[in-house]
Protein backbone atom coordinates (compact mmCIF):
# COMPACT_ATOMS: atom_id res chain seq x y z
CA UNK A 1 40.63 -26.30 -19.96
CA UNK A 2 38.18 -27.81 -17.85
CA UNK A 3 34.94 -29.68 -19.00
CA UNK A 4 32.93 -26.62 -18.03
CA UNK A 5 34.98 -24.18 -20.05
CA UNK A 6 34.69 -26.56 -23.01
CA UNK A 7 30.93 -27.14 -22.66
CA UNK A 8 30.57 -23.02 -22.61
CA UNK A 9 32.59 -22.31 -25.30
CA UNK A 10 31.05 -24.92 -27.49
CA UNK A 11 27.67 -23.63 -26.87
CA UNK A 12 28.67 -20.08 -27.13
CA UNK A 13 29.95 -20.86 -30.68
CA UNK A 14 26.56 -22.99 -31.84
CA UNK A 15 24.22 -20.81 -30.09
CA UNK A 16 23.96 -17.17 -29.94
CA UNK A 17 21.09 -16.81 -27.68
CA UNK A 18 23.16 -19.10 -25.29
CA UNK A 19 26.41 -16.75 -25.54
CA UNK A 20 24.65 -13.46 -24.99
CA UNK A 21 22.67 -14.60 -22.47
CA UNK A 22 25.77 -16.45 -20.88
CA UNK A 23 28.21 -13.18 -20.83
CA UNK A 24 25.12 -10.90 -19.81
CA UNK A 25 24.30 -13.36 -16.79
CA UNK A 26 28.20 -13.68 -15.78
CA UNK A 27 28.63 -10.22 -15.19
CA UNK A 28 25.43 -9.70 -12.99
CA UNK A 29 26.70 -13.04 -10.65
CA UNK A 30 30.43 -11.55 -10.64
CA UNK A 31 29.20 -7.78 -9.78
CA UNK A 32 27.22 -9.82 -6.91
CA UNK A 33 29.94 -11.40 -5.65
CA UNK A 34 32.07 -8.16 -5.45
CA UNK A 35 29.28 -6.87 -3.40
CA UNK A 36 29.21 -9.66 -1.07
CA UNK A 37 32.90 -9.71 -0.71
CA UNK A 38 32.95 -5.96 0.09
CA UNK A 39 30.43 -6.63 2.77
CA UNK A 40 32.38 -9.49 4.29
CA UNK A 41 35.57 -7.20 4.10
CA UNK A 42 33.76 -4.39 6.00
CA UNK A 43 33.35 -6.98 8.68
CA UNK A 44 29.70 -6.86 8.48
CA UNK A 45 26.76 -9.47 7.93
CA UNK A 46 23.94 -9.17 5.72
CA UNK A 47 21.84 -8.44 9.07
CA UNK A 48 24.58 -5.73 9.91
CA UNK A 49 24.08 -4.12 6.67
CA UNK A 50 20.56 -4.08 6.65
CA UNK A 51 20.33 -2.40 9.98
CA UNK A 52 22.90 0.58 8.53
CA UNK A 53 20.44 0.51 5.68
CA UNK A 54 17.08 0.72 7.64
CA UNK A 55 16.11 -2.56 5.50
CA UNK A 56 15.43 -6.05 5.43
CA UNK A 57 18.36 -8.78 5.55
CA UNK A 58 16.09 -10.10 2.43
CA UNK A 59 17.06 -6.86 1.02
CA UNK A 60 20.62 -7.24 1.17
CA UNK A 61 20.47 -10.70 -0.28
CA UNK A 62 18.31 -9.74 -3.00
CA UNK A 63 20.96 -7.14 -3.89
CA UNK A 64 24.03 -9.25 -3.93
CA UNK A 65 22.10 -12.58 -5.47
CA UNK A 66 20.33 -10.56 -8.05
CA UNK A 67 22.36 -7.30 -8.84
CA UNK A 68 20.92 -6.90 -11.87
CA UNK A 69 17.94 -5.69 -10.89
CA UNK A 70 18.84 -3.29 -8.13
CA UNK A 71 18.42 0.58 -8.86
CA UNK A 72 21.60 2.95 -9.02
CA UNK A 73 20.65 4.57 -5.98
CA UNK A 74 20.41 1.49 -4.11
CA UNK A 75 23.74 0.26 -5.24
CA UNK A 76 25.09 3.69 -4.06
CA UNK A 77 23.83 3.60 -0.72
CA UNK A 78 25.27 -0.15 -0.34
CA UNK A 79 28.48 1.13 -1.45
CA UNK A 80 28.20 4.29 0.96
CA UNK A 81 27.27 1.97 4.19
CA UNK A 82 30.54 -0.02 3.58
CA UNK A 83 32.32 3.03 3.37
CA UNK A 84 32.98 2.85 -0.40
CA UNK A 85 31.88 4.86 -3.60
CA UNK A 86 30.09 3.60 -6.47
CA UNK A 87 32.07 4.08 -10.06
CA UNK A 88 30.70 3.15 -13.16
CA UNK A 89 32.54 2.63 -16.09
CA UNK A 90 31.40 2.58 -19.88
CA UNK A 91 33.59 0.38 -21.77
């Protein structure tokens, strides 16, 4: 186990607030990475995607880096512009 993983595991055990915030933040980060990778796999830059969605490049960056703040309708448009469909699961 890496030093970072040990550190995170220890903080999660001793600090409930850290644990909750870490897990939530990690999920948001992971989703942003999925969005970015989907865009790259489609062969699009942020500017290309922004043009397809009639928005600014900064809006695409914001969605990829702060996906927890994006509206569902925006994420659906993002996916559609990549030729994909957005699915949400409650588990």
